[in-house]
Amino acid sequence: MQSALRQDAEDIVRWAIRAVSPEAAVERALAGMEFSGRVYLVSVGKAAWKMAETAVKCLERSVEQGIVVTKYGHVVSPLPGLHCFEAGHPVPDENSFAAAQAVLDMTKNLCPEDTVLFLLSGGGSALFEKPLVPPEELGDITRQLLAAGADIVEMNTIRKRLSAVKGGRFALHCTPAHVEAIILSDILGDPPDMIASGPAAPDSSTCAQALRIAEKYSLKLSPEALACLKRETPKTLTNVSTRIIGSVRELIRAAEARCRELGYTPIVLTDHLDCEAKDAGRFLADILRTHRGEKKAAFLAGGETVVHLTGKGLGGRNQELALAAAEGISGLNAAVISVGSDGTDGPTDAAGGYVDGDTLAALGERGLSLARVLADNDSYHALQAVDGLIITGPTGTNVNDIAVAITGE
């Protein structure tokens, strides 16, 4: 491994992720905010614990009651006055259902003067759920969509119609209280109705779109689930105010600034990356080959790729993206790193992966065929064998993924 390049690549990514930590953004959002009645705090998503911790510190008044719902391992410590749940992701589980029911119980029979402070981040689609179909079927439909490579908008268009709390239905439940929604976006373009499937946002998607997605991926649906897809979601909500406080654009801007500080010339390719992970990795490798010989150039891409499962290996979209770049940059003084800003990549303990000009040879020395590894979607074990895993642990934020392709001195 080319140690100087790796040090810089990791530095750029970790710096950018720290720069979009939600504390400062939540503090700015709450500055000067006044509440006339009781305040109920609901924080949902992968960044829920950190967002809730900051809110409690910033509010100039006490919270009547509060609930935090986040992913397993993301509750750092108890928060005074708040009940913290950890639940399943990317497939909801019994704790997801219990947490959602606890939130619904806490927010029923509210008064017009009350406020529900709703802190939302990515991951909420699985973590905060009250299904309208049997839980086993909801899990199966989620797995079908994941395996087929459906993007996050397609997944949420389906999932919100199978839920009693998605697609604006949670905000409707809170009526007549006001819902103050503060959102950390993990969806390209920041559509509020798609982030965590939009529990407090009017739904812009339609039944016709949901049915087309079901047909596109040949989803196996029960008559009950099919009936849910044909049932329209709320299109207007009069009791909600919404603010987006962070997104992948800020992540890329922070990476761009750090590249300059480290002496790299940064070029932002996109903050809307949404293709197949393998294709993105190969494309970044092609860019590096075109610019071989140029010293200290950095090419940045943010967004969220997809993986179509063809094998039974272990990995995630960022690991697969990085590994797919290994052949194209073989022998070059160049590197590609791709990381999920939340610190989790697929069903693994890795946040993403790193490869450089030496990776392909290192895989060969260990008897690993890059083509076979990619066909089996086993990027985790391949990267593990060549010390290419990036492990950060939970970061406390969630604003899509970042990929950096750099050339050395």
Protein backbone atom coordinates (compact mmCIF):
# COMPACT_ATOMS: atom_id res chain seq x y z
CA MET A 1 0.00 0.00 0.00
CA GLN A 2 1.18 3.52 -0.80
CA SER A 3 1.20 4.91 2.73
CA ALA A 4 1.43 8.66 1.97
CA LEU A 5 -1.52 8.51 -0.39
CA ARG A 6 -3.55 6.50 2.07
CA GLN A 7 -2.82 8.94 4.86
CA ASP A 8 -3.99 11.86 2.73
CA ALA A 9 -7.05 10.02 1.40
CA GLU A 10 -8.22 9.10 4.88
CA ASP A 11 -7.45 12.59 6.16
CA ILE A 12 -9.64 14.19 3.46
CA VAL A 13 -12.57 11.87 4.13
CA ARG A 14 -12.42 11.99 7.92
CA TRP A 15 -12.02 15.78 7.91
CA ALA A 16 -15.05 16.18 5.66
CA ILE A 17 -17.20 13.90 7.83
CA ARG A 18 -16.25 15.79 10.98
CA ALA A 19 -17.14 19.04 9.22
CA VAL A 20 -20.73 17.90 8.68
CA SER A 21 -21.28 16.62 12.21
CA PRO A 22 -24.81 17.69 13.16
CA GLU A 23 -24.05 19.49 16.44
CA ALA A 24 -23.38 22.92 15.00
CA ALA A 25 -26.20 22.60 12.47
CA VAL A 26 -28.76 21.64 15.13
CA GLU A 27 -27.56 24.45 17.36
CA ARG A 28 -28.00 26.97 14.53
CA ALA A 29 -31.46 25.64 13.74
CA LEU A 30 -32.65 25.99 17.33
CA ALA A 31 -31.11 29.41 17.98
CA GLY A 32 -33.84 31.85 19.00
CA MET A 33 -36.63 29.29 18.60
CA GLU A 34 -39.48 29.84 21.08
CA PHE A 35 -42.22 27.45 22.11
CA SER A 36 -45.54 28.42 23.68
CA GLY A 37 -46.68 25.05 24.99
CA ARG A 38 -45.15 21.74 25.92
CA VAL A 39 -42.25 20.39 23.84
CA TYR A 40 -42.02 16.72 22.92
CA LEU A 41 -38.74 15.62 21.35
CA VAL A 42 -38.60 12.81 18.78
CA SER A 43 -35.19 12.06 17.23
CA VAL A 44 -35.03 9.33 14.59
CA GLY A 45 -32.21 8.04 12.37
CA LYS A 46 -28.55 7.10 12.38
CA ALA A 47 -27.62 10.56 13.69
CA ALA A 48 -30.50 10.64 16.18
CA TRP A 49 -28.46 10.36 19.38
CA LYS A 50 -26.10 13.20 18.57
CA MET A 51 -28.91 15.42 17.27
CA ALA A 52 -30.94 14.81 20.43
CA GLU A 53 -27.98 15.40 22.73
CA THR A 54 -27.32 18.75 21.06
CA ALA A 55 -30.99 19.78 21.13
CA VAL A 56 -31.34 19.09 24.85
CA LYS A 57 -28.25 21.21 25.54
CA CYS A 58 -29.44 24.07 23.32
CA LEU A 59 -33.09 24.34 24.32
CA GLU A 60 -33.75 27.07 26.84
CA ARG A 61 -36.57 25.05 28.36
CA SER A 62 -37.04 21.48 29.46
CA VAL A 63 -38.56 18.81 27.24
CA GLU A 64 -41.84 17.35 28.46
CA GLN A 65 -40.95 13.92 27.13
CA GLY A 66 -38.54 12.62 24.52
CA ILE A 67 -37.66 9.51 22.54
CA VAL A 68 -34.53 8.71 20.51
CA VAL A 69 -34.60 5.93 17.92
CA THR A 70 -31.31 4.95 16.30
CA LYS A 71 -29.30 2.02 14.97
CA TYR A 72 -27.76 -0.65 17.16
CA GLY A 73 -24.52 0.56 18.69
CA HIS A 74 -25.29 4.25 18.06
CA VAL A 75 -26.46 5.20 21.57
CA VAL A 76 -23.29 6.54 23.14
CA SER A 77 -24.75 7.00 26.65
CA PRO A 78 -28.12 7.65 28.32
CA LEU A 79 -29.62 11.09 27.74
CA PRO A 80 -31.36 12.58 30.81
CA GLY A 81 -35.11 12.72 30.40
CA LEU A 82 -35.11 10.84 27.10
CA HIS A 83 -35.89 7.20 26.33
CA CYS A 84 -33.37 5.77 23.84
CA PHE A 85 -34.23 2.87 21.53
CA GLU A 86 -31.84 0.96 19.29
CA ALA A 87 -33.40 -0.87 16.36
CA GLY A 88 -32.81 -2.73 13.09
CA HIS A 89 -31.34 -1.31 9.88
CA PRO A 90 -31.66 -1.68 6.89
CA VAL A 91 -34.49 -4.10 7.69
CA PRO A 92 -36.84 -3.08 10.55
CA ASP A 93 -37.22 -5.39 13.53
CA GLU A 94 -39.34 -5.71 16.68
CA ASN A 95 -37.47 -2.83 18.31
CA SER A 96 -38.30 -0.61 15.32
CA PHE A 97 -41.96 -1.38 15.85
CA ALA A 98 -41.77 -0.92 19.63
CA ALA A 99 -40.00 2.43 19.24
CA ALA A 100 -42.56 3.71 16.75
CA GLN A 101 -45.42 2.66 19.01
CA ALA A 102 -43.77 4.43 21.95
CA VAL A 103 -43.52 7.62 19.86
CA LEU A 104 -47.14 7.35 18.77
CA ASP A 105 -48.26 6.83 22.37
CA MET A 106 -46.24 9.85 23.54
CA THR A 107 -47.64 12.13 20.84
CA LYS A 108 -51.32 11.27 21.01
CA ASN A 109 -53.88 13.69 22.48
CA LEU A 110 -51.64 16.74 22.03
CA CYS A 111 -52.92 20.31 22.26
CA PRO A 112 -52.68 23.04 19.58
CA GLU A 113 -50.10 24.89 21.72
CA ASP A 114 -47.78 21.86 21.90
CA THR A 115 -44.76 21.34 19.66
CA VAL A 116 -43.20 18.09 18.48
CA LEU A 117 -39.51 18.80 17.84
CA PHE A 118 -38.80 16.17 15.20
CA LEU A 119 -35.09 15.58 14.52
CA LEU A 120 -34.71 13.34 11.50
CA SER A 121 -31.75 11.73 9.74
CA GLY A 122 -31.19 8.91 7.27
CA GLY A 123 -31.99 5.38 8.32
CA GLY A 124 -35.36 6.31 9.76
CA SER A 125 -37.24 4.24 7.19
CA ALA A 126 -36.18 1.06 8.98
CA LEU A 127 -35.68 2.38 12.50
CA PHE A 128 -39.09 4.06 12.89
CA GLU A 129 -41.84 1.80 11.66
CA LYS A 130 -45.41 0.70 12.27
CA PRO A 131 -46.18 -1.64 9.38
CA LEU A 132 -49.57 -1.93 7.70
CA VAL A 133 -48.64 -5.44 6.55
CA PRO A 134 -47.23 -8.32 8.60
CA PRO A 135 -43.67 -7.50 9.74
CA GLU A 136 -42.30 -10.59 8.02
CA GLU A 137 -43.63 -9.38 4.67
CA LEU A 138 -42.33 -5.85 5.21
CA GLY A 139 -38.86 -7.28 5.85
CA ASP A 140 -39.13 -9.50 2.80
CA ILE A 141 -40.17 -6.60 0.55
CA THR A 142 -37.26 -4.50 1.86
CA ARG A 143 -34.84 -7.35 1.13
CA GLN A 144 -36.30 -7.79 -2.38
CA LEU A 145 -35.71 -4.11 -3.12
CA LEU A 146 -32.16 -4.19 -1.73
CA ALA A 147 -31.24 -7.31 -3.71
CA ALA A 148 -32.67 -5.84 -6.92
CA GLY A 149 -30.55 -2.69 -6.57
CA ALA A 150 -33.49 -0.29 -6.13
CA ASP A 151 -32.34 3.22 -5.30
CA ILE A 152 -33.35 4.96 -2.07
CA VAL A 153 -36.17 6.98 -3.68
CA GLU A 154 -37.70 3.85 -5.18
CA MET A 155 -37.40 2.00 -1.88
CA ASN A 156 -39.02 4.81 0.08
CA THR A 157 -41.85 5.23 -2.45
CA ILE A 158 -42.80 1.63 -1.67
CA ARG A 159 -42.06 1.59 2.06
CA LYS A 160 -44.02 4.73 2.94
CA ARG A 161 -47.20 3.13 1.61
CA LEU A 162 -46.72 0.08 3.82
CA SER A 163 -46.39 2.18 6.97
CA ALA A 164 -48.65 3.97 9.45
CA VAL A 165 -45.92 6.57 10.22
CA LYS A 166 -44.35 7.32 6.82
CA GLY A 167 -45.46 9.54 3.95
CA GLY A 168 -46.68 12.33 6.25
CA ARG A 169 -48.78 10.06 8.42
CA PHE A 170 -46.78 10.76 11.60
CA ALA A 171 -47.36 14.52 11.28
CA LEU A 172 -51.05 13.85 10.66
CA HIS A 173 -51.09 11.78 13.87
CA CYS A 174 -49.62 14.74 15.82
CA THR A 175 -52.46 17.07 14.79
CA PRO A 176 -53.41 19.61 16.21
CA ALA A 177 -49.88 20.09 17.61
CA HIS A 178 -47.22 21.77 15.49
CA VAL A 179 -44.34 19.65 14.18
CA GLU A 180 -40.97 21.40 13.88
CA ALA A 181 -38.95 19.10 11.59
CA ILE A 182 -35.16 19.55 11.50
CA ILE A 183 -33.63 17.23 8.93
CA LEU A 184 -30.17 15.95 8.10
CA SER A 185 -30.47 14.81 4.48
CA ASP A 186 -29.13 11.54 3.06
CA ILE A 187 -31.09 11.80 -0.20
CA LEU A 188 -29.75 13.47 -3.35
CA GLY A 189 -31.53 16.78 -3.89
CA ASP A 190 -32.80 16.80 -0.27
CA PRO A 191 -36.50 15.98 -0.88
CA PRO A 192 -38.12 16.05 2.62
CA ASP A 193 -40.74 13.48 1.66
CA MET A 194 -38.09 10.90 0.80
CA ILE A 195 -35.68 11.34 3.73
CA ALA A 196 -36.54 8.43 6.07
CA SER A 197 -39.67 8.07 3.90
CA GLY A 198 -40.99 11.46 5.00
CA PRO A 199 -42.86 10.88 8.31
CA ALA A 200 -43.62 14.61 8.57
CA ALA A 201 -43.72 15.68 4.91
CA PRO A 202 -46.50 15.75 2.31
CA ASP A 203 -45.86 12.93 -0.10
CA SER A 204 -44.99 13.92 -3.67
CA SER A 205 -44.98 10.34 -4.97
CA THR A 206 -48.11 8.66 -6.26
CA CYS A 207 -49.74 5.26 -6.17
CA ALA A 208 -49.07 4.93 -9.90
CA GLN A 209 -45.33 5.40 -9.31
CA ALA A 210 -45.35 2.83 -6.51
CA LEU A 211 -47.08 0.28 -8.70
CA ARG A 212 -44.60 0.89 -11.53
CA ILE A 213 -41.69 0.26 -9.15
CA ALA A 214 -43.32 -2.97 -7.94
CA GLU A 215 -43.67 -4.07 -11.57
CA LYS A 216 -40.12 -2.97 -12.49
CA TYR A 217 -38.57 -5.19 -9.82
CA SER A 218 -41.19 -7.97 -10.02
CA LEU A 219 -41.88 -7.64 -6.31
CA LYS A 220 -43.70 -10.51 -4.66
CA LEU A 221 -46.58 -8.84 -2.81
CA SER A 222 -49.55 -10.14 -0.88
CA PRO A 223 -53.02 -8.78 -1.77
CA GLU A 224 -52.82 -6.76 1.47
CA ALA A 225 -49.52 -5.13 0.45
CA LEU A 226 -50.80 -4.45 -3.06
CA ALA A 227 -53.87 -2.73 -1.59
CA CYS A 228 -51.55 -0.50 0.49
CA LEU A 229 -49.68 0.56 -2.65
CA LYS A 230 -53.01 1.66 -4.13
CA ARG A 231 -53.92 3.77 -1.07
CA GLU A 232 -52.89 7.43 -1.42
CA THR A 233 -50.74 9.21 1.17
CA PRO A 234 -51.28 12.78 2.57
CA LYS A 235 -50.56 15.44 -0.06
CA THR A 236 -50.90 18.50 2.21
CA LEU A 237 -49.97 19.10 5.86
CA THR A 238 -50.78 22.36 7.63
CA ASN A 239 -49.05 21.69 10.96
CA VAL A 240 -45.42 21.21 9.86
CA SER A 241 -42.39 23.49 9.45
CA THR A 242 -39.31 21.91 7.86
CA ARG A 243 -35.62 22.85 7.73
CA ILE A 244 -32.84 20.91 6.00
CA ILE A 245 -29.63 21.44 8.03
CA GLY A 246 -27.06 19.30 6.22
CA SER A 247 -26.49 17.30 3.04
CA VAL A 248 -23.90 15.72 0.78
CA ARG A 249 -23.17 19.13 -0.76
CA GLU A 250 -21.65 20.31 2.53
CA LEU A 251 -19.68 17.05 2.76
CA ILE A 252 -18.12 17.61 -0.67
CA ARG A 253 -17.40 21.28 0.02
CA ALA A 254 -15.56 20.33 3.20
CA ALA A 255 -13.51 17.70 1.34
CA GLU A 256 -12.68 20.23 -1.36
CA ALA A 257 -11.35 22.67 1.24
CA ARG A 258 -9.27 19.99 2.94
CA CYS A 259 -7.74 18.92 -0.39
CA ARG A 260 -6.49 22.45 -0.93
CA GLU A 261 -5.01 22.56 2.58
CA LEU A 262 -3.08 19.37 1.81
CA GLY A 263 -1.75 20.76 -1.47
CA TYR A 264 -4.10 18.93 -3.86
CA THR A 265 -5.92 20.58 -6.74
CA PRO A 266 -9.54 19.48 -6.18
CA ILE A 267 -12.08 18.90 -8.93
CA VAL A 268 -15.68 18.26 -7.86
CA LEU A 269 -17.10 15.73 -10.30
CA THR A 270 -20.59 15.49 -8.81
CA ASP A 271 -22.65 15.56 -5.64
CA HIS A 272 -25.35 13.45 -7.35
CA LEU A 273 -23.53 10.13 -7.85
CA ASP A 274 -26.25 7.49 -8.18
CA CYS A 275 -25.05 4.72 -10.49
CA GLU A 276 -23.90 1.14 -10.02
CA ALA A 277 -21.04 0.99 -7.49
CA LYS A 278 -18.78 -1.02 -9.81
CA ASP A 279 -19.33 1.44 -12.65
CA ALA A 280 -18.49 4.38 -10.38
CA GLY A 281 -15.26 2.72 -9.28
CA ARG A 282 -14.18 1.95 -12.81
CA PHE A 283 -15.04 5.49 -13.92
CA LEU A 284 -12.90 7.02 -11.17
CA ALA A 285 -10.05 4.72 -12.20
CA ASP A 286 -10.47 5.88 -15.81
CA ILE A 287 -10.21 9.50 -14.66
CA LEU A 288 -7.00 8.74 -12.77
CA ARG A 289 -5.52 7.00 -15.81
CA THR A 290 -6.34 10.02 -17.96
CA HIS A 291 -4.60 12.29 -15.46
CA ARG A 292 -1.65 10.01 -14.68
CA GLY A 293 1.51 12.03 -14.32
CA GLU A 294 -0.32 15.02 -12.90
CA LYS A 295 0.86 15.62 -9.35
CA LYS A 296 -1.51 15.96 -6.39
CA ALA A 297 -4.86 16.12 -8.16
CA ALA A 298 -8.04 15.13 -6.34
CA PHE A 299 -11.37 14.18 -7.94
CA LEU A 300 -14.40 14.24 -5.63
CA ALA A 301 -17.79 12.55 -5.95
CA GLY A 302 -20.64 12.47 -3.48
CA GLY A 303 -23.93 10.63 -3.54
CA GLU A 304 -25.08 7.05 -3.14
CA THR A 305 -24.42 4.19 -5.52
CA VAL A 306 -26.28 0.88 -5.68
CA VAL A 307 -25.21 -2.76 -5.78
CA HIS A 308 -27.00 -5.47 -7.73
CA LEU A 309 -26.39 -8.70 -5.87
CA THR A 310 -25.03 -11.49 -8.04
CA GLY A 311 -23.22 -13.45 -5.32
CA LYS A 312 -23.38 -14.33 -1.65
CA GLY A 313 -20.31 -12.52 -0.35
CA LEU A 314 -20.03 -9.76 2.24
CA GLY A 315 -19.57 -6.08 1.49
CA GLY A 316 -21.20 -2.72 0.86
CA ARG A 317 -21.52 -0.20 -1.94
CA ASN A 318 -18.47 1.84 -0.90
CA GLN A 319 -16.23 -1.20 -0.56
CA GLU A 320 -17.39 -2.48 -3.94
CA LEU A 321 -16.83 0.95 -5.55
CA ALA A 322 -13.28 1.14 -4.25
CA LEU A 323 -12.41 -2.44 -5.17
CA ALA A 324 -13.76 -1.99 -8.70
CA ALA A 325 -11.18 0.78 -9.21
CA ALA A 326 -8.21 -1.47 -8.35
CA GLU A 327 -7.57 -2.87 -11.82
CA GLY A 328 -7.76 0.49 -13.58
CA ILE A 329 -5.19 2.15 -11.31
CA SER A 330 -2.85 -0.82 -11.03
CA GLY A 331 0.74 0.38 -11.18
CA LEU A 332 -0.16 4.05 -10.87
CA ASN A 333 0.79 6.43 -8.09
CA ALA A 334 -2.91 6.92 -7.39
CA ALA A 335 -5.62 5.86 -4.96
CA VAL A 336 -9.41 5.66 -4.58
CA ILE A 337 -11.24 5.80 -1.28
CA SER A 338 -15.01 5.57 -0.81
CA VAL A 339 -16.74 5.91 2.56
CA GLY A 340 -20.26 6.14 3.98
CA SER A 341 -20.53 9.29 6.10
CA ASP A 342 -22.45 7.40 8.80
CA GLY A 343 -19.54 4.99 9.35
CA THR A 344 -21.46 1.96 8.08
CA ASP A 345 -21.24 0.31 4.67
CA GLY A 346 -23.73 -2.46 4.08
CA PRO A 347 -24.07 -5.21 6.70
CA THR A 348 -20.43 -4.81 7.85
CA ASP A 349 -18.33 -3.05 10.47
CA ALA A 350 -16.52 -1.12 7.73
CA ALA A 351 -17.35 2.43 6.60
CA GLY A 352 -15.88 1.82 3.15
CA GLY A 353 -12.75 0.84 1.28
CA TYR A 354 -9.39 2.03 -0.03
CA VAL A 355 -7.33 0.85 -3.01
CA ASP A 356 -4.20 2.13 -4.72
CA GLY A 357 -1.77 1.18 -7.47
CA ASP A 358 -0.49 -1.80 -5.45
CA THR A 359 -3.86 -3.36 -4.55
CA LEU A 360 -4.39 -5.56 -7.61
CA ALA A 361 -0.95 -7.17 -7.21
CA ALA A 362 -1.56 -7.68 -3.49
CA LEU A 363 -4.83 -9.48 -4.24
CA GLY A 364 -3.04 -11.73 -6.74
CA GLU A 365 -0.36 -12.60 -4.20
CA ARG A 366 -3.14 -13.85 -1.91
CA GLY A 367 -4.73 -15.93 -4.64
CA LEU A 368 -7.73 -13.62 -5.04
CA SER A 369 -9.24 -12.94 -8.45
CA LEU A 370 -10.71 -9.42 -8.64
CA ALA A 371 -13.32 -10.51 -11.19
CA ARG A 372 -14.47 -13.43 -9.04
CA VAL A 373 -14.58 -11.31 -5.88
CA LEU A 374 -16.72 -8.64 -7.57
CA ALA A 375 -19.02 -11.26 -9.11
CA ASP A 376 -19.56 -12.73 -5.63
CA ASN A 377 -20.04 -9.28 -4.04
CA ASP A 378 -17.32 -10.20 -1.54
CA SER A 379 -15.48 -6.89 -1.36
CA TYR A 380 -15.21 -6.97 2.43
CA HIS A 381 -13.05 -10.09 2.64
CA ALA A 382 -10.92 -9.06 -0.34
CA LEU A 383 -10.19 -5.63 1.11
CA GLN A 384 -9.63 -7.14 4.53
CA ALA A 385 -6.96 -9.41 3.02
CA VAL A 386 -5.01 -6.40 1.65
CA ASP A 387 -5.63 -4.00 4.55
CA GLY A 388 -8.03 -1.94 2.45
CA LEU A 389 -10.97 -1.63 4.84
CA ILE A 390 -11.81 1.78 6.29
CA ILE A 391 -13.30 1.41 9.76
CA THR A 392 -14.49 4.52 11.58
CA GLY A 393 -17.25 3.30 13.85
CA PRO A 394 -20.52 5.28 14.05
CA THR A 395 -19.80 8.91 13.12
CA GLY A 396 -22.99 10.52 14.42
CA THR A 397 -23.94 11.94 11.03
CA ASN A 398 -25.45 10.62 7.81
CA VAL A 399 -25.22 12.63 4.57
CA ASN A 400 -24.62 10.03 1.86
CA ASP A 401 -21.22 8.78 0.70
CA ILE A 402 -17.98 10.39 -0.44
CA ALA A 403 -15.48 9.02 -2.95
CA VAL A 404 -12.05 10.59 -3.51
CA ALA A 405 -9.66 9.69 -6.33
CA ILE A 406 -6.17 11.19 -5.90
CA THR A 407 -2.79 11.21 -7.58
CA GLY A 408 0.48 11.41 -5.64
CA GLU A 409 3.60 13.52 -5.95
